[in-house]
Amino acid sequence: VQLQASGGGLVQAGDSLRLTCEVSGRRFGLYVMAWFRQAPGKERDLVAVIDWGGYNKNYADSVKGRFTISRDNDQQTVSLQMDGLKPEDTALYYCAAREDYELGYTASVYNYWGQGTQVTVSS
């Protein structure tokens, strides 16, 4: 399984970005998918998670109401729409896949990772 994240960039506060993660492999529809982020000197934290069918989603409190996670099982992609970006959203963003039906909230329970895409928000 390979994950390829894209869509990061340098934006101003209040702008929007859409991150996309393309996933190879035949079992995409069985994976829980998530986006994590990691700022320099900090731990890798969950941003948003979505179940296999897109029915159940959860978000970090810091992004609720601003970010939206979605998935397309036919295209084998998971996306993160980020609106109202703030300087504190600056981080390296990773997509991750978990071979389980239950949502996972910590990095240690995810089996596969993308390479990360940088999001930088200037004030």
PDB file of N, CA and C in Angstrom:
ATOM      1  N   VAL A   1       0.848  -1.182   0.000  1.00  0.00           N
ATOM      2  CA  VAL A   1       0.000   0.000   0.000  1.00  0.00           C
ATOM      3  C   VAL A   1       0.885   1.234   0.000  1.00  0.00           C
ATOM      4  N   GLN A   2       0.586   2.153  -0.880  1.00  0.00           N
ATOM      5  CA  GLN A   2       1.331   3.416  -0.944  1.00  0.00           C
ATOM      6  C   GLN A   2       0.360   4.578  -0.880  1.00  0.00           C
ATOM      7  N   LEU A   3       0.750   5.591  -0.123  1.00  0.00           N
ATOM      8  CA  LEU A   3      -0.057   6.793   0.015  1.00  0.00           C
ATOM      9  C   LEU A   3       0.738   7.981  -0.516  1.00  0.00           C
ATOM     10  N   GLN A   4       0.093   8.795  -1.316  1.00  0.00           N
ATOM     11  CA  GLN A   4       0.745   9.962  -1.905  1.00  0.00           C
ATOM     12  C   GLN A   4      -0.093  11.192  -1.604  1.00  0.00           C
ATOM     13  N   ALA A   5       0.438  12.064  -0.748  1.00  0.00           N
ATOM     14  CA  ALA A   5      -0.280  13.282  -0.362  1.00  0.00           C
ATOM     15  C   ALA A   5       0.178  14.461  -1.207  1.00  0.00           C
ATOM     16  N   SER A   6      -0.758  15.352  -1.491  1.00  0.00           N
ATOM     17  CA  SER A   6      -0.443  16.552  -2.267  1.00  0.00           C
ATOM     18  C   SER A   6      -1.398  17.667  -1.874  1.00  0.00           C
ATOM     19  N   GLY A   7      -1.070  18.887  -2.330  1.00  0.00           N
ATOM     20  CA  GLY A   7      -1.980  20.000  -2.128  1.00  0.00           C
ATOM     21  C   GLY A   7      -1.529  21.043  -1.136  1.00  0.00           C
ATOM     22  N   GLY A   8      -0.414  20.796  -0.459  1.00  0.00           N
ATOM     23  CA  GLY A   8       0.080  21.778   0.485  1.00  0.00           C
ATOM     24  C   GLY A   8       0.604  23.025  -0.205  1.00  0.00           C
ATOM     25  N   GLY A   9       0.914  24.031   0.595  1.00  0.00           N
ATOM     26  CA  GLY A   9       1.449  25.253   0.029  1.00  0.00           C
ATOM     27  C   GLY A   9       1.568  26.344   1.058  1.00  0.00           C
ATOM     28  N   LEU A  10       1.933  27.532   0.566  1.00  0.00           N
ATOM     29  CA  LEU A  10       2.061  28.720   1.400  1.00  0.00           C
ATOM     30  C   LEU A  10       0.867  29.621   1.137  1.00  0.00           C
ATOM     31  N   VAL A  11       0.094  29.905   2.174  1.00  0.00           N
ATOM     32  CA  VAL A  11      -1.094  30.739   2.032  1.00  0.00           C
ATOM     33  C   VAL A  11      -1.129  31.760   3.163  1.00  0.00           C
ATOM     34  N   GLN A  12      -2.062  32.696   3.038  1.00  0.00           N
ATOM     35  CA  GLN A  12      -2.256  33.699   4.080  1.00  0.00           C
ATOM     36  C   GLN A  12      -3.389  33.266   5.011  1.00  0.00           C
ATOM     37  N   ALA A  13      -3.376  33.816   6.204  1.00  0.00           N
ATOM     38  CA  ALA A  13      -4.441  33.523   7.162  1.00  0.00           C
ATOM     39  C   ALA A  13      -5.797  33.835   6.542  1.00  0.00           C
ATOM     40  N   GLY A  14      -6.737  32.916   6.740  1.00  0.00           N
ATOM     41  CA  GLY A  14      -8.066  33.061   6.183  1.00  0.00           C
ATOM     42  C   GLY A  14      -8.275  32.364   4.854  1.00  0.00           C
ATOM     43  N   ASP A  15      -7.188  31.973   4.219  1.00  0.00           N
ATOM     44  CA  ASP A  15      -7.277  31.288   2.925  1.00  0.00           C
ATOM     45  C   ASP A  15      -7.689  29.831   3.105  1.00  0.00           C
ATOM     46  N   SER A  16      -7.861  29.162   1.981  1.00  0.00           N
ATOM     47  CA  SER A  16      -8.240  27.746   1.971  1.00  0.00           C
ATOM     48  C   SER A  16      -7.220  26.928   1.193  1.00  0.00           C
ATOM     49  N   LEU A  17      -7.123  25.671   1.562  1.00  0.00           N
ATOM     50  CA  LEU A  17      -6.331  24.686   0.826  1.00  0.00           C
ATOM     51  C   LEU A  17      -7.090  23.364   0.847  1.00  0.00           C
ATOM     52  N   ARG A  18      -6.841  22.553  -0.168  1.00  0.00           N
ATOM     53  CA  ARG A  18      -7.424  21.215  -0.205  1.00  0.00           C
ATOM     54  C   ARG A  18      -6.295  20.205  -0.381  1.00  0.00           C
ATOM     55  N   LEU A  19      -6.133  19.349   0.595  1.00  0.00           N
ATOM     56  CA  LEU A  19      -5.145  18.287   0.522  1.00  0.00           C
ATOM     57  C   LEU A  19      -5.811  17.023  -0.014  1.00  0.00           C
ATOM     58  N   THR A  20      -5.069  16.292  -0.825  1.00  0.00           N
ATOM     59  CA  THR A  20      -5.573  15.035  -1.376  1.00  0.00           C
ATOM     60  C   THR A  20      -4.534  13.946  -1.170  1.00  0.00           C
ATOM     61  N   CYS A  21      -5.008  12.756  -0.831  1.00  0.00           N
ATOM     62  CA  CYS A  21      -4.142  11.602  -0.650  1.00  0.00           C
ATOM     63  C   CYS A  21      -4.629  10.494  -1.573  1.00  0.00           C
ATOM     64  N   GLU A  22      -3.763  10.066  -2.474  1.00  0.00           N
ATOM     65  CA  GLU A  22      -4.078   8.962  -3.372  1.00  0.00           C
ATOM     66  C   GLU A  22      -3.491   7.679  -2.788  1.00  0.00           C
ATOM     67  N   VAL A  23      -4.300   6.636  -2.789  1.00  0.00           N
ATOM     68  CA  VAL A  23      -3.908   5.390  -2.136  1.00  0.00           C
ATOM     69  C   VAL A  23      -3.903   4.257  -3.156  1.00  0.00           C
ATOM     70  N   SER A  24      -2.807   3.541  -3.221  1.00  0.00           N
ATOM     71  CA  SER A  24      -2.742   2.353  -4.073  1.00  0.00           C
ATOM     72  C   SER A  24      -3.112   1.135  -3.235  1.00  0.00           C
ATOM     73  N   GLY A  25      -3.475   0.058  -3.907  1.00  0.00           N
ATOM     74  CA  GLY A  25      -3.840  -1.149  -3.185  1.00  0.00           C
ATOM     75  C   GLY A  25      -5.301  -1.487  -3.369  1.00  0.00           C
ATOM     76  N   ARG A  26      -5.639  -2.737  -3.174  1.00  0.00           N
ATOM     77  CA  ARG A  26      -6.972  -3.223  -3.489  1.00  0.00           C
ATOM     78  C   ARG A  26      -7.942  -3.161  -2.325  1.00  0.00           C
ATOM     79  N   ARG A  27      -7.508  -2.785  -1.161  1.00  0.00           N
ATOM     80  CA  ARG A  27      -8.360  -2.853   0.016  1.00  0.00           C
ATOM     81  C   ARG A  27      -8.721  -1.482   0.566  1.00  0.00           C
ATOM     82  N   PHE A  28      -8.640  -0.449  -0.278  1.00  0.00           N
ATOM     83  CA  PHE A  28      -8.860   0.916   0.198  1.00  0.00           C
ATOM     84  C   PHE A  28     -10.196   1.051   0.906  1.00  0.00           C
ATOM     85  N   GLY A  29     -11.222   0.407   0.379  1.00  0.00           N
ATOM     86  CA  GLY A  29     -12.552   0.536   0.962  1.00  0.00           C
ATOM     87  C   GLY A  29     -12.672  -0.040   2.356  1.00  0.00           C
ATOM     88  N   LEU A  30     -11.661  -0.769   2.796  1.00  0.00           N
ATOM     89  CA  LEU A  30     -11.695  -1.360   4.136  1.00  0.00           C
ATOM     90  C   LEU A  30     -10.887  -0.549   5.151  1.00  0.00           C
ATOM     91  N   TYR A  31     -10.212   0.483   4.696  1.00  0.00           N
ATOM     92  CA  TYR A  31      -9.322   1.232   5.582  1.00  0.00           C
ATOM     93  C   TYR A  31     -10.039   2.400   6.248  1.00  0.00           C
ATOM     94  N   VAL A  32      -9.728   2.603   7.511  1.00  0.00           N
ATOM     95  CA  VAL A  32      -9.974   3.894   8.135  1.00  0.00           C
ATOM     96  C   VAL A  32      -8.873   4.824   7.638  1.00  0.00           C
ATOM     97  N   MET A  33      -9.241   6.041   7.257  1.00  0.00           N
ATOM     98  CA  MET A  33      -8.272   7.005   6.751  1.00  0.00           C
ATOM     99  C   MET A  33      -8.230   8.223   7.654  1.00  0.00           C
ATOM    100  N   ALA A  34      -7.062   8.822   7.758  1.00  0.00           N
ATOM    101  CA  ALA A  34      -6.918   9.975   8.645  1.00  0.00           C
ATOM    102  C   ALA A  34      -5.873  10.934   8.107  1.00  0.00           C
ATOM    103  N   TRP A  35      -5.967  12.158   8.573  1.00  0.00           N
ATOM    104  CA  TRP A  35      -4.941  13.164   8.371  1.00  0.00           C
ATOM    105  C   TRP A  35      -4.352  13.520   9.735  1.00  0.00           C
ATOM    106  N   PHE A  36      -3.040  13.537   9.795  1.00  0.00           N
ATOM    107  CA  PHE A  36      -2.302  13.980  10.965  1.00  0.00           C
ATOM    108  C   PHE A  36      -1.464  15.183  10.571  1.00  0.00           C
ATOM    109  N   ARG A  37      -0.983  15.908  11.553  1.00  0.00           N
ATOM    110  CA  ARG A  37      -0.047  16.987  11.279  1.00  0.00           C
ATOM    111  C   ARG A  37       1.006  17.044  12.380  1.00  0.00           C
ATOM    112  N   GLN A  38       2.150  17.546  11.963  1.00  0.00           N
ATOM    113  CA  GLN A  38       3.268  17.643  12.890  1.00  0.00           C
ATOM    114  C   GLN A  38       4.017  18.937  12.638  1.00  0.00           C
ATOM    115  N   ALA A  39       4.065  19.773  13.655  1.00  0.00           N
ATOM    116  CA  ALA A  39       4.832  21.007  13.602  1.00  0.00           C
ATOM    117  C   ALA A  39       6.221  20.737  14.174  1.00  0.00           C
ATOM    118  N   PRO A  40       7.205  21.559  13.818  1.00  0.00           N
ATOM    119  CA  PRO A  40       8.570  21.331  14.320  1.00  0.00           C
ATOM    120  C   PRO A  40       8.616  21.270  15.843  1.00  0.00           C
ATOM    121  N   GLY A  41       9.246  20.234  16.359  1.00  0.00           N
ATOM    122  CA  GLY A  41       9.393  20.092  17.795  1.00  0.00           C
ATOM    123  C   GLY A  41       8.179  19.581  18.522  1.00  0.00           C
ATOM    124  N   LYS A  42       7.131  19.230  17.766  1.00  0.00           N
ATOM    125  CA  LYS A  42       5.893  18.765  18.387  1.00  0.00           C
ATOM    126  C   LYS A  42       5.570  17.355  17.933  1.00  0.00           C
ATOM    127  N   GLU A  43       4.621  16.734  18.620  1.00  0.00           N
ATOM    128  CA  GLU A  43       4.200  15.396  18.255  1.00  0.00           C
ATOM    129  C   GLU A  43       3.285  15.417  17.039  1.00  0.00           C
ATOM    130  N   ARG A  44       3.125  14.247  16.442  1.00  0.00           N
ATOM    131  CA  ARG A  44       2.218  14.097  15.318  1.00  0.00           C
ATOM    132  C   ARG A  44       0.804  13.894  15.874  1.00  0.00           C
ATOM    133  N   ASP A  45      -0.063  14.831  15.573  1.00  0.00           N
ATOM    134  CA  ASP A  45      -1.405  14.840  16.140  1.00  0.00           C
ATOM    135  C   ASP A  45      -2.470  14.592  15.077  1.00  0.00           C
ATOM    136  N   LEU A  46      -3.535  13.953  15.503  1.00  0.00           N
ATOM    137  CA  LEU A  46      -4.666  13.711  14.616  1.00  0.00           C
ATOM    138  C   LEU A  46      -5.366  15.024  14.272  1.00  0.00           C
ATOM    139  N   VAL A  47      -5.682  15.193  12.997  1.00  0.00           N
ATOM    140  CA  VAL A  47      -6.468  16.331  12.543  1.00  0.00           C
ATOM    141  C   VAL A  47      -7.903  15.905  12.268  1.00  0.00           C
ATOM    142  N   ALA A  48      -8.049  14.810  11.493  1.00  0.00           N
ATOM    143  CA  ALA A  48      -9.378  14.328  11.137  1.00  0.00           C
ATOM    144  C   ALA A  48      -9.293  12.867  10.746  1.00  0.00           C
ATOM    145  N   VAL A  49     -10.377  12.148  10.972  1.00  0.00           N
ATOM    146  CA  VAL A  49     -10.422  10.718  10.673  1.00  0.00           C
ATOM    147  C   VAL A  49     -11.792  10.385  10.086  1.00  0.00           C
ATOM    148  N   ILE A  50     -11.821   9.407   9.175  1.00  0.00           N
ATOM    149  CA  ILE A  50     -13.068   9.016   8.511  1.00  0.00           C
ATOM    150  C   ILE A  50     -13.120   7.504   8.393  1.00  0.00           C
ATOM    151  N   ASP A  51     -14.299   6.940   8.589  1.00  0.00           N
ATOM    152  CA  ASP A  51     -14.399   5.484   8.521  1.00  0.00           C
ATOM    153  C   ASP A  51     -14.469   5.015   7.073  1.00  0.00           C
ATOM    154  N   TRP A  52     -14.584   3.703   6.895  1.00  0.00           N
ATOM    155  CA  TRP A  52     -14.456   3.105   5.573  1.00  0.00           C
ATOM    156  C   TRP A  52     -15.507   3.615   4.604  1.00  0.00           C
ATOM    157  N   GLY A  53     -16.701   3.886   5.083  1.00  0.00           N
ATOM    158  CA  GLY A  53     -17.784   4.298   4.202  1.00  0.00           C
ATOM    159  C   GLY A  53     -18.026   5.796   4.179  1.00  0.00           C
ATOM    160  N   GLY A  54     -17.275   6.533   4.974  1.00  0.00           N
ATOM    161  CA  GLY A  54     -17.480   7.978   5.028  1.00  0.00           C
ATOM    162  C   GLY A  54     -18.626   8.398   5.915  1.00  0.00           C
ATOM    163  N   TYR A  55     -19.146   7.480   6.722  1.00  0.00           N
ATOM    164  CA  TYR A  55     -20.312   7.780   7.544  1.00  0.00           C
ATOM    165  C   TYR A  55     -19.942   8.415   8.879  1.00  0.00           C
ATOM    166  N   ASN A  56     -18.804   8.067   9.399  1.00  0.00           N
ATOM    167  CA  ASN A  56     -18.389   8.510  10.726  1.00  0.00           C
ATOM    168  C   ASN A  56     -17.093   9.294  10.595  1.00  0.00           C
ATOM    169  N   LYS A  57     -17.106  10.518  11.086  1.00  0.00           N
ATOM    170  CA  LYS A  57     -15.938  11.384  11.007  1.00  0.00           C
ATOM    171  C   LYS A  57     -15.697  12.037  12.361  1.00  0.00           C
ATOM    172  N   ASN A  58     -14.439  12.294  12.645  1.00  0.00           N
ATOM    173  CA  ASN A  58     -14.100  13.030  13.859  1.00  0.00           C
ATOM    174  C   ASN A  58     -12.975  13.996  13.556  1.00  0.00           C
ATOM    175  N   TYR A  59     -12.960  15.088  14.317  1.00  0.00           N
ATOM    176  CA  TYR A  59     -11.991  16.147  14.086  1.00  0.00           C
ATOM    177  C   TYR A  59     -11.349  16.579  15.398  1.00  0.00           C
ATOM    178  N   ALA A  60     -10.124  17.067  15.287  1.00  0.00           N
ATOM    179  CA  ALA A  60      -9.511  17.726  16.441  1.00  0.00           C
ATOM    180  C   ALA A  60     -10.316  18.971  16.763  1.00  0.00           C
ATOM    181  N   ASP A  61     -10.407  19.289  18.033  1.00  0.00           N
ATOM    182  CA  ASP A  61     -11.186  20.463  18.439  1.00  0.00           C
ATOM    183  C   ASP A  61     -10.702  21.730  17.743  1.00  0.00           C
ATOM    184  N   SER A  62      -9.409  21.815  17.503  1.00  0.00           N
ATOM    185  CA  SER A  62      -8.821  23.025  16.935  1.00  0.00           C
ATOM    186  C   SER A  62      -9.231  23.271  15.487  1.00  0.00           C
ATOM    187  N   VAL A  63      -9.762  22.257  14.809  1.00  0.00           N
ATOM    188  CA  VAL A  63     -10.119  22.426  13.399  1.00  0.00           C
ATOM    189  C   VAL A  63     -11.605  22.246  13.129  1.00  0.00           C
ATOM    190  N   LYS A  64     -12.369  21.899  14.146  1.00  0.00           N
ATOM    191  CA  LYS A  64     -13.812  21.700  13.955  1.00  0.00           C
ATOM    192  C   LYS A  64     -14.458  22.963  13.404  1.00  0.00           C
ATOM    193  N   GLY A  65     -15.291  22.758  12.396  1.00  0.00           N
ATOM    194  CA  GLY A  65     -15.969  23.878  11.765  1.00  0.00           C
ATOM    195  C   GLY A  65     -15.165  24.548  10.673  1.00  0.00           C
ATOM    196  N   ARG A  66     -13.895  24.201  10.543  1.00  0.00           N
ATOM    197  CA  ARG A  66     -13.038  24.798   9.508  1.00  0.00           C
ATOM    198  C   ARG A  66     -12.554  23.767   8.505  1.00  0.00           C
ATOM    199  N   PHE A  67     -12.298  22.548   8.968  1.00  0.00           N
ATOM    200  CA  PHE A  67     -11.768  21.498   8.105  1.00  0.00           C
ATOM    201  C   PHE A  67     -12.846  20.443   7.856  1.00  0.00           C
ATOM    202  N   THR A  68     -12.794  19.827   6.670  1.00  0.00           N
ATOM    203  CA  THR A  68     -13.718  18.764   6.324  1.00  0.00           C
ATOM    204  C   THR A  68     -12.965  17.624   5.657  1.00  0.00           C
ATOM    205  N   ILE A  69     -13.129  16.435   6.196  1.00  0.00           N
ATOM    206  CA  ILE A  69     -12.508  15.253   5.600  1.00  0.00           C
ATOM    207  C   ILE A  69     -13.542  14.507   4.762  1.00  0.00           C
ATOM    208  N   SER A  70     -13.099  13.965   3.633  1.00  0.00           N
ATOM    209  CA  SER A  70     -13.988  13.196   2.773  1.00  0.00           C
ATOM    210  C   SER A  70     -13.173  12.125   2.065  1.00  0.00           C
ATOM    211  N   ARG A  71     -13.873  11.164   1.489  1.00  0.00           N
ATOM    212  CA  ARG A  71     -13.183  10.109   0.758  1.00  0.00           C
ATOM    213  C   ARG A  71     -14.007   9.699  -0.450  1.00  0.00           C
ATOM    214  N   ASP A  72     -13.298   9.191  -1.454  1.00  0.00           N
ATOM    215  CA  ASP A  72     -13.926   8.665  -2.661  1.00  0.00           C
ATOM    216  C   ASP A  72     -13.364   7.263  -2.851  1.00  0.00           C
ATOM    217  N   ASN A  73     -14.161   6.261  -2.527  1.00  0.00           N
ATOM    218  CA  ASN A  73     -13.649   4.897  -2.584  1.00  0.00           C
ATOM    219  C   ASN A  73     -13.443   4.411  -4.022  1.00  0.00           C
ATOM    220  N   ASP A  74     -14.173   4.974  -4.951  1.00  0.00           N
ATOM    221  CA  ASP A  74     -13.961   4.592  -6.354  1.00  0.00           C
ATOM    222  C   ASP A  74     -12.622   5.113  -6.862  1.00  0.00           C
ATOM    223  N   GLN A  75     -12.278   6.341  -6.480  1.00  0.00           N
ATOM    224  CA  GLN A  75     -11.015   6.943  -6.907  1.00  0.00           C
ATOM    225  C   GLN A  75      -9.870   6.616  -5.961  1.00  0.00           C
ATOM    226  N   GLN A  76     -10.200   6.019  -4.820  1.00  0.00           N
ATOM    227  CA  GLN A  76      -9.203   5.673  -3.811  1.00  0.00           C
ATOM    228  C   GLN A  76      -8.437   6.906  -3.345  1.00  0.00           C
ATOM    229  N   THR A  77      -9.192   7.907  -2.980  1.00  0.00           N
ATOM    230  CA  THR A  77      -8.597   9.131  -2.465  1.00  0.00           C
ATOM    231  C   THR A  77      -9.296   9.552  -1.174  1.00  0.00           C
ATOM    232  N   VAL A  78      -8.564  10.276  -0.359  1.00  0.00           N
ATOM    233  CA  VAL A  78      -9.121  10.933   0.815  1.00  0.00           C
ATOM    234  C   VAL A  78      -8.648  12.375   0.777  1.00  0.00           C
ATOM    235  N   SER A  79      -9.545  13.296   1.087  1.00  0.00           N
ATOM    236  CA  SER A  79      -9.234  14.715   0.986  1.00  0.00           C
ATOM    237  C   SER A  79      -9.475  15.427   2.306  1.00  0.00           C
ATOM    238  N   LEU A  80      -8.806  16.543   2.453  1.00  0.00           N
ATOM    239  CA  LEU A  80      -9.001  17.409   3.619  1.00  0.00           C
ATOM    240  C   LEU A  80      -9.170  18.828   3.101  1.00  0.00           C
ATOM    241  N   GLN A  81     -10.390  19.325   3.170  1.00  0.00           N
ATOM    242  CA  GLN A  81     -10.671  20.705   2.808  1.00  0.00           C
ATOM    243  C   GLN A  81     -10.419  21.563   4.025  1.00  0.00           C
ATOM    244  N   MET A  82      -9.532  22.527   3.885  1.00  0.00           N
ATOM    245  CA  MET A  82      -9.143  23.379   5.003  1.00  0.00           C
ATOM    246  C   MET A  82      -9.526  24.819   4.683  1.00  0.00           C
ATOM    247  N   ASP A  83     -10.469  25.330   5.407  1.00  0.00           N
ATOM    248  CA  ASP A  83     -10.930  26.708   5.251  1.00  0.00           C
ATOM    249  C   ASP A  83     -10.573  27.521   6.485  1.00  0.00           C
ATOM    250  N   GLY A  84     -10.520  28.825   6.309  1.00  0.00           N
ATOM    251  CA  GLY A  84     -10.217  29.685   7.439  1.00  0.00           C
ATOM    252  C   GLY A  84      -8.899  29.348   8.099  1.00  0.00           C
ATOM    253  N   LEU A  85      -7.879  29.132   7.292  1.00  0.00           N
ATOM    254  CA  LEU A  85      -6.589  28.708   7.840  1.00  0.00           C
ATOM    255  C   LEU A  85      -5.991  29.770   8.752  1.00  0.00           C
ATOM    256  N   LYS A  86      -5.311  29.273   9.774  1.00  0.00           N
ATOM    257  CA  LYS A  86      -4.674  30.120  10.771  1.00  0.00           C
ATOM    258  C   LYS A  86      -3.180  29.813  10.816  1.00  0.00           C
ATOM    259  N   PRO A  87      -2.361  30.750  11.278  1.00  0.00           N
ATOM    260  CA  PRO A  87      -0.919  30.468  11.378  1.00  0.00           C
ATOM    261  C   PRO A  87      -0.611  29.219  12.202  1.00  0.00           C
ATOM    262  N   GLU A  88      -1.420  28.934  13.198  1.00  0.00           N
ATOM    263  CA  GLU A  88      -1.185  27.752  14.020  1.00  0.00           C
ATOM    264  C   GLU A  88      -1.506  26.444  13.314  1.00  0.00           C
ATOM    265  N   ASP A  89      -2.057  26.523  12.117  1.00  0.00           N
ATOM    266  CA  ASP A  89      -2.268  25.315  11.297  1.00  0.00           C
ATOM    267  C   ASP A  89      -1.001  24.925  10.532  1.00  0.00           C
ATOM    268  N   THR A  90       0.017  25.758  10.597  1.00  0.00           N
ATOM    269  CA  THR A  90       1.264  25.473   9.902  1.00  0.00           C
ATOM    270  C   THR A  90       1.880  24.185  10.425  1.00  0.00           C
ATOM    271  N   ALA A  91       2.138  23.247   9.513  1.00  0.00           N
ATOM    272  CA  ALA A  91       2.685  21.943   9.893  1.00  0.00           C
ATOM    273  C   ALA A  91       2.915  21.104   8.645  1.00  0.00           C
ATOM    274  N   LEU A  92       3.550  19.978   8.838  1.00  0.00           N
ATOM    275  CA  LEU A  92       3.647  18.957   7.800  1.00  0.00           C
ATOM    276  C   LEU A  92       2.446  18.038   7.989  1.00  0.00           C
ATOM    277  N   TYR A  93       1.649  17.891   6.951  1.00  0.00           N
ATOM    278  CA  TYR A  93       0.420  17.111   7.022  1.00  0.00           C
ATOM    279  C   TYR A  93       0.632  15.741   6.376  1.00  0.00           C
ATOM    280  N   TYR A  94       0.209  14.705   7.102  1.00  0.00           N
ATOM    281  CA  TYR A  94       0.360  13.334   6.646  1.00  0.00           C
ATOM    282  C   TYR A  94      -1.006  12.665   6.510  1.00  0.00           C
ATOM    283  N   CYS A  95      -1.182  11.868   5.467  1.00  0.00           N
ATOM    284  CA  CYS A  95      -2.335  10.990   5.425  1.00  0.00           C
ATOM    285  C   CYS A  95      -1.902   9.612   5.902  1.00  0.00           C
ATOM    286  N   ALA A  96      -2.842   8.891   6.483  1.00  0.00           N
ATOM    287  CA  ALA A  96      -2.537   7.596   7.077  1.00  0.00           C
ATOM    288  C   ALA A  96      -3.717   6.656   6.894  1.00  0.00           C
ATOM    289  N   ALA A  97      -3.411   5.354   6.818  1.00  0.00           N
ATOM    290  CA  ALA A  97      -4.435   4.330   6.637  1.00  0.00           C
ATOM    291  C   ALA A  97      -4.329   3.296   7.743  1.00  0.00           C
ATOM    292  N   ARG A  98      -5.489   2.864   8.213  1.00  0.00           N
ATOM    293  CA  ARG A  98      -5.537   1.877   9.276  1.00  0.00           C
ATOM    294  C   ARG A  98      -6.387   0.696   8.820  1.00  0.00           C
ATOM    295  N   GLU A  99      -5.844  -0.507   8.970  1.00  0.00           N
ATOM    296  CA  GLU A  99      -6.547  -1.729   8.563  1.00  0.00           C
ATOM    297  C   GLU A  99      -7.464  -2.184   9.697  1.00  0.00           C
ATOM    298  N   ASP A 100      -8.538  -1.407   9.876  1.00  0.00           N
ATOM    299  CA  ASP A 100      -9.463  -1.728  10.960  1.00  0.00           C
ATOM    300  C   ASP A 100     -10.767  -0.987  10.672  1.00  0.00           C
ATOM    301  N   TYR A 101     -11.844  -1.495  11.230  1.00  0.00           N
ATOM    302  CA  TYR A 101     -13.119  -0.809  11.059  1.00  0.00           C
ATOM    303  C   TYR A 101     -13.322   0.310  12.070  1.00  0.00           C
ATOM    304  N   GLU A 102     -12.581   0.267  13.169  1.00  0.00           N
ATOM    305  CA  GLU A 102     -12.753   1.285  14.203  1.00  0.00           C
ATOM    306  C   GLU A 102     -11.859   2.490  13.919  1.00  0.00           C
ATOM    307  N   LEU A 103     -12.369   3.672  14.232  1.00  0.00           N
ATOM    308  CA  LEU A 103     -11.561   4.868  14.067  1.00  0.00           C
ATOM    309  C   LEU A 103     -10.366   4.813  15.006  1.00  0.00           C
ATOM    310  N   GLY A 104      -9.262   5.390  14.588  1.00  0.00           N
ATOM    311  CA  GLY A 104      -8.076   5.459  15.431  1.00  0.00           C
ATOM    312  C   GLY A 104      -7.694   6.915  15.641  1.00  0.00           C
ATOM    313  N   TYR A 105      -7.206   7.210  16.845  1.00  0.00           N
ATOM    314  CA  TYR A 105      -6.950   8.598  17.197  1.00  0.00           C
ATOM    315  C   TYR A 105      -5.487   8.905  17.496  1.00  0.00           C
ATOM    316  N   THR A 106      -4.656   7.884  17.473  1.00  0.00           N
ATOM    317  CA  THR A 106      -3.230   8.074  17.712  1.00  0.00           C
ATOM    318  C   THR A 106      -2.434   7.498  16.553  1.00  0.00           C
ATOM    319  N   ALA A 107      -1.275   8.096  16.300  1.00  0.00           N
ATOM    320  CA  ALA A 107      -0.460   7.697  15.158  1.00  0.00           C
ATOM    321  C   ALA A 107      -0.028   6.238  15.232  1.00  0.00           C
ATOM    322  N   SER A 108       0.141   5.724  16.414  1.00  0.00           N
ATOM    323  CA  SER A 108       0.686   4.375  16.583  1.00  0.00           C
ATOM    324  C   SER A 108      -0.223   3.279  16.041  1.00  0.00           C
ATOM    325  N   VAL A 109      -1.508   3.569  15.856  1.00  0.00           N
ATOM    326  CA  VAL A 109      -2.427   2.516  15.407  1.00  0.00           C
ATOM    327  C   VAL A 109      -2.617   2.504  13.898  1.00  0.00           C
ATOM    328  N   TYR A 110      -1.922   3.358  13.190  1.00  0.00           N
ATOM    329  CA  TYR A 110      -2.027   3.414  11.736  1.00  0.00           C
ATOM    330  C   TYR A 110      -0.913   2.605  11.079  1.00  0.00           C
ATOM    331  N   ASN A 111      -1.296   1.879  10.031  1.00  0.00           N
ATOM    332  CA  ASN A 111      -0.389   0.930   9.399  1.00  0.00           C
ATOM    333  C   ASN A 111       0.428   1.525   8.255  1.00  0.00           C
ATOM    334  N   TYR A 112      -0.151   2.496   7.562  1.00  0.00           N
ATOM    335  CA  TYR A 112       0.498   3.027   6.362  1.00  0.00           C
ATOM    336  C   TYR A 112       0.464   4.549   6.403  1.00  0.00           C
ATOM    337  N   TRP A 113       1.548   5.148   5.864  1.00  0.00           N
ATOM    338  CA  TRP A 113       1.697   6.599   5.907  1.00  0.00           C
ATOM    339  C   TRP A 113       2.146   7.142   4.562  1.00  0.00           C
ATOM    340  N   GLY A 114       1.653   8.338   4.251  1.00  0.00           N
ATOM    341  CA  GLY A 114       2.176   9.074   3.122  1.00  0.00           C
ATOM    342  C   GLY A 114       3.406   9.857   3.531  1.00  0.00           C
ATOM    343  N   GLN A 115       3.974  10.562   2.565  1.00  0.00           N
ATOM    344  CA  GLN A 115       5.250  11.233   2.775  1.00  0.00           C
ATOM    345  C   GLN A 115       5.110  12.611   3.412  1.00  0.00           C
ATOM    346  N   GLY A 116       3.906  13.144   3.492  1.00  0.00           N
ATOM    347  CA  GLY A 116       3.712  14.462   4.083  1.00  0.00           C
ATOM    348  C   GLY A 116       3.709  15.565   3.049  1.00  0.00           C
ATOM    349  N   THR A 117       2.878  16.559   3.300  1.00  0.00           N
ATOM    350  CA  THR A 117       2.836  17.738   2.456  1.00  0.00           C
ATOM    351  C   THR A 117       2.799  18.958   3.380  1.00  0.00           C
ATOM    352  N   GLN A 118       3.628  19.951   3.068  1.00  0.00           N
ATOM    353  CA  GLN A 118       3.810  21.100   3.957  1.00  0.00           C
ATOM    354  C   GLN A 118       2.709  22.138   3.746  1.00  0.00           C
ATOM    355  N   VAL A 119       2.135  22.568   4.850  1.00  0.00           N
ATOM    356  CA  VAL A 119       1.179  23.666   4.849  1.00  0.00           C
ATOM    357  C   VAL A 119       1.759  24.781   5.710  1.00  0.00           C
ATOM    358  N   THR A 120       1.890  25.961   5.115  1.00  0.00           N
ATOM    359  CA  THR A 120       2.418  27.109   5.833  1.00  0.00           C
ATOM    360  C   THR A 120       1.425  28.255   5.697  1.00  0.00           C
ATOM    361  N   VAL A 121       1.001  28.784   6.844  1.00  0.00           N
ATOM    362  CA  VAL A 121       0.021  29.860   6.859  1.00  0.00           C
ATOM    363  C   VAL A 121       0.673  31.097   7.466  1.00  0.00           C
ATOM    364  N   SER A 122       0.737  32.142   6.680  1.00  0.00           N
ATOM    365  CA  SER A 122       1.337  33.382   7.163  1.00  0.00           C
ATOM    366  C   SER A 122       0.264  34.309   7.736  1.00  0.00           C
ATOM    367  N   SER A 123       0.664  35.119   8.685  1.00  0.00           N
ATOM    368  CA  SER A 123      -0.308  36.023   9.338  1.00  0.00           C
ATOM    369  C   SER A 123      -0.407  37.347   8.612  1.00  0.00           C
TER     370      SER A 123
END
